[in-house]
C-alpha cells in the first residue's frame, strides 16, 4: 500500500516476447545460483534494451560520457565513497564532467522520515554535487522516492539499481534502457514535476 500511495515509483510494462524470455532466463540463472554475477547472454538492438547486473554501469557511464543535452538522475540511494574509486564515484565524476561541458545535470534523491543513515548518505551526495555546480536536492520526506530513473539525452534507464558500491558492484539488478521519444518525454515530465515538489 505504501509504494502505491505514498511513493514516487517508475515502472513500465513491456510487451515483448524476446525481452520477457531474456528476463525469465536471468531469473532461472539466479534461481539456480545467485552467488555469482551473470554476464549478458544475448545482445539487443532497438528502442528497448534489457540490462542485467554489471552491464548497467557500463552502458550508463558510456552514455554520460557522450551526453550533449541533459542528465537527469532520480534514485533512492546514491552513496559516494571516501576513497573516490567506486562505480558510484565514477558516475558522479562523469556527471560533473558533463556539467562542465555545458550539459544540464540535475539530481533528486530520497529524504526519509525514518532512515537517518540514508539521509546522511544522500545528504552528503547532494552537497558534493552542489559544490560542483550541479542542481541537486532531496525530495520531500512525506513521500518515498523509490524510483530509479536516469535520463541521458534521448534515453531513459529504469530499474532496480541504486547508486552505491553494493548496487553497482555486488548485487543482482535488472534494468531497462528505453529510447522511445514518447516514453522518454513522459519521464522527463515526471522528473520536472518531482523537481518542483
Protein backbone atom coordinates (compact mmCIF):
# COMPACT_ATOMS: atom_id res chain seq x y z
CA UNK A 1 0.00 0.00 0.00
CA UNK A 2 2.81 2.45 0.83
CA UNK A 3 4.52 2.02 -2.54
CA UNK A 4 1.29 2.69 -4.39
CA UNK A 5 0.02 5.61 -2.35
CA UNK A 6 2.99 7.38 -0.80
CA UNK A 7 5.90 6.74 -3.11
CA UNK A 8 7.41 8.06 -6.31
CA UNK A 9 7.89 4.96 -8.43
CA UNK A 10 8.84 4.39 -12.06
CA UNK A 11 7.58 1.34 -13.89
CA UNK A 12 6.68 0.34 -17.42
CA UNK A 13 5.01 -2.67 -18.96
CA UNK A 14 6.99 -4.09 -21.85
CA UNK A 15 5.12 -6.43 -24.13
CA UNK A 16 7.96 -8.10 -25.97
CA UNK A 17 8.36 -11.87 -26.01
CA UNK A 18 12.13 -11.79 -26.59
CA UNK A 19 12.75 -9.42 -23.67
CA UNK A 20 10.39 -11.40 -21.44
CA UNK A 21 12.26 -14.61 -22.26
CA UNK A 22 15.58 -12.90 -21.53
CA UNK A 23 14.44 -11.84 -18.07
CA UNK A 24 12.97 -15.32 -17.50
CA UNK A 25 16.37 -16.87 -18.27
CA UNK A 26 18.03 -14.35 -15.96
CA UNK A 27 15.60 -15.35 -13.20
CA UNK A 28 16.34 -19.04 -13.85
CA UNK A 29 20.10 -18.44 -13.56
CA UNK A 30 19.56 -16.64 -10.25
CA UNK A 31 17.28 -19.39 -9.00
CA UNK A 32 19.99 -21.99 -9.63
CA UNK A 33 22.91 -19.96 -8.27
CA UNK A 34 22.50 -16.38 -7.10
CA UNK A 35 26.03 -16.22 -5.69
CA UNK A 36 27.72 -15.13 -8.92
CA UNK A 37 27.41 -12.29 -11.38
CA UNK A 38 25.56 -13.05 -14.55
CA UNK A 39 27.06 -11.73 -17.75
CA UNK A 40 24.74 -10.63 -20.54
CA UNK A 41 23.98 -13.73 -22.57
CA UNK A 42 22.27 -12.05 -25.50
CA UNK A 43 22.65 -8.69 -27.20
CA UNK A 44 19.73 -6.45 -28.09
CA UNK A 45 19.32 -3.59 -30.53
CA UNK A 46 16.45 -1.19 -30.90
CA UNK A 47 14.35 1.05 -28.69
CA UNK A 48 14.24 -1.27 -25.65
CA UNK A 49 17.31 -2.98 -24.24
CA UNK A 50 17.33 -5.10 -21.05
CA UNK A 51 20.33 -4.67 -18.76
CA UNK A 52 21.47 -7.07 -16.04
CA UNK A 53 23.96 -6.86 -13.20
CA UNK A 54 27.22 -5.02 -14.12
CA UNK A 55 26.05 -4.25 -17.67
CA UNK A 56 24.05 -1.29 -16.32
CA UNK A 57 27.13 0.63 -15.18
CA UNK A 58 28.95 0.19 -18.48
CA UNK A 59 26.02 1.44 -20.56
CA UNK A 60 25.15 4.37 -18.24
CA UNK A 61 28.74 5.59 -17.89
CA UNK A 62 29.28 5.42 -21.66
CA UNK A 63 26.06 7.37 -22.25
CA UNK A 64 27.16 10.01 -19.73
CA UNK A 65 30.50 10.46 -21.49
CA UNK A 66 28.63 11.11 -24.74
CA UNK A 67 25.83 13.26 -23.24
CA UNK A 68 25.24 16.52 -25.06
CA UNK A 69 21.99 17.90 -23.63
CA UNK A 70 20.88 16.50 -20.28
CA UNK A 71 21.50 14.05 -17.48
CA UNK A 72 18.62 13.77 -15.00
CA UNK A 73 19.10 11.33 -12.13
CA UNK A 74 16.48 10.24 -9.61
CA UNK A 75 17.46 7.33 -7.36
CA UNK A 76 16.59 6.17 -3.87
CA UNK A 77 20.18 5.87 -2.70
CA UNK A 78 23.42 7.38 -4.04
CA UNK A 79 26.47 6.65 -1.91
CA UNK A 80 29.84 8.19 -2.63
CA UNK A 81 32.86 6.54 -1.03
CA UNK A 82 35.68 8.11 0.96
CA UNK A 83 38.18 6.51 -1.44
CA UNK A 84 36.59 8.05 -4.53
CA UNK A 85 37.10 4.97 -6.68
CA UNK A 86 33.80 3.08 -6.69
CA UNK A 87 31.49 2.90 -9.67
CA UNK A 88 29.13 5.34 -7.92
CA UNK A 89 32.06 7.77 -7.62
CA UNK A 90 32.85 7.30 -11.31
CA UNK A 91 29.25 8.10 -12.29
CA UNK A 92 29.32 11.21 -10.08
CA UNK A 93 32.55 12.32 -11.73
CA UNK A 94 31.07 11.76 -15.20
CA UNK A 95 28.11 13.94 -14.21
CA UNK A 96 30.46 16.73 -13.08
CA UNK A 97 32.46 16.46 -16.31
CA UNK A 98 29.22 16.64 -18.30
CA UNK A 99 28.14 19.74 -16.38
CA UNK A 100 31.48 21.37 -17.23
CA UNK A 101 30.80 20.58 -20.92
CA UNK A 102 27.54 22.52 -20.67
CA UNK A 103 25.19 19.55 -20.22
CA UNK A 104 22.17 20.17 -17.97
CA UNK A 105 22.66 17.91 -14.93
CA UNK A 106 20.09 17.54 -12.14
CA UNK A 107 19.73 15.08 -9.25
CA UNK A 108 16.83 14.16 -6.95
CA UNK A 109 17.45 11.74 -4.06
CA UNK A 110 15.28 10.29 -1.32
CA UNK A 111 14.88 12.06 2.03
CA UNK A 112 13.42 9.62 4.53
CA UNK A 113 11.19 10.38 7.51
CA UNK A 114 12.58 7.33 9.33
CA UNK A 115 16.02 6.36 7.93
CA UNK A 116 18.67 8.78 9.20
CA UNK A 117 21.50 6.70 7.74
CA UNK A 118 20.01 7.11 4.25
CA UNK A 119 19.51 10.84 4.86
CA UNK A 120 23.15 11.32 5.86
CA UNK A 121 24.35 9.33 2.85
CA UNK A 122 22.15 11.12 0.31
CA UNK A 123 22.72 14.48 2.01
CA UNK A 124 26.50 14.15 1.56
CA UNK A 125 26.00 13.28 -2.10
CA UNK A 126 23.71 16.28 -2.64
CA UNK A 127 26.26 18.61 -1.03
CA UNK A 128 29.04 17.17 -3.19
CA UNK A 129 27.03 17.87 -6.32
CA UNK A 130 26.12 21.39 -5.23
CA UNK A 131 29.79 22.13 -4.52
CA UNK A 132 30.48 21.08 -8.11
CA UNK A 133 27.81 23.24 -9.75
CA UNK A 134 25.12 20.61 -10.18
CA UNK A 135 21.47 21.27 -9.34
CA UNK A 136 20.70 18.66 -6.68
CA UNK A 137 18.08 18.23 -3.98
CA UNK A 138 16.41 15.80 -1.65
CA UNK A 139 12.73 15.03 -2.14
CA UNK A 140 10.06 15.83 0.45
CA UNK A 141 10.20 13.45 3.38
CA UNK A 142 6.44 12.88 3.35
CA UNK A 143 6.83 10.69 0.24
CA UNK A 144 9.31 7.92 -0.56
CA UNK A 145 11.17 8.40 -3.83
CA UNK A 146 11.90 4.78 -4.58
CA UNK A 147 12.15 5.31 -8.34
CA UNK A 148 15.39 4.72 -10.19
CA UNK A 149 15.13 6.95 -13.26
CA UNK A 150 18.12 8.14 -15.26
CA UNK A 151 17.54 10.26 -18.36
CA UNK A 152 20.51 10.88 -20.62
CA UNK A 153 19.72 12.93 -23.72
CA UNK A 154 17.04 10.90 -25.55
CA UNK A 155 17.21 7.72 -23.47
CA UNK A 156 15.76 6.68 -20.13
CA UNK A 157 17.07 3.95 -17.82
CA UNK A 158 14.57 2.37 -15.40
CA UNK A 159 15.05 -0.47 -12.97
CA UNK A 160 16.24 -1.59 -9.59
CA UNK A 161 19.80 -0.25 -9.38
CA UNK A 162 20.70 2.14 -6.58
CA UNK A 163 23.95 4.02 -7.00
CA UNK A 164 26.20 2.59 -4.32
CA UNK A 165 29.05 0.10 -4.11
CA UNK A 166 26.56 -2.68 -3.44
CA UNK A 167 24.06 -1.63 -6.09
CA UNK A 168 26.62 -1.15 -8.85
CA UNK A 169 29.25 -3.75 -7.94
CA UNK A 170 27.75 -6.54 -5.83
CA UNK A 171 24.02 -7.09 -6.02
CA UNK A 172 21.85 -8.51 -8.76
CA UNK A 173 19.78 -5.87 -10.52
CA UNK A 174 17.67 -5.72 -13.62
CA UNK A 175 17.11 -2.55 -15.57
CA UNK A 176 15.90 -1.45 -18.96
CA UNK A 177 17.12 1.17 -21.43
CA UNK A 178 14.38 2.80 -23.49
CA UNK A 179 14.98 5.04 -26.49
CA UNK A 180 11.36 5.80 -27.36
CA UNK A 181 10.69 9.56 -27.55
CA UNK A 182 7.18 9.36 -26.11
CA UNK A 183 8.35 7.34 -23.09
CA UNK A 184 11.46 9.48 -22.55
CA UNK A 185 9.34 12.64 -22.70
CA UNK A 186 6.93 11.13 -20.15
CA UNK A 187 9.77 10.55 -17.68
CA UNK A 188 11.28 13.99 -18.34
CA UNK A 189 7.89 15.48 -17.41
CA UNK A 190 7.72 13.19 -14.35
CA UNK A 191 11.16 14.39 -13.26
CA UNK A 192 10.12 18.03 -13.71
CA UNK A 193 7.01 17.54 -11.57
CA UNK A 194 9.03 15.96 -8.74
CA UNK A 195 11.71 18.62 -9.08
CA UNK A 196 9.13 21.28 -8.19
CA UNK A 197 7.68 19.49 -5.15
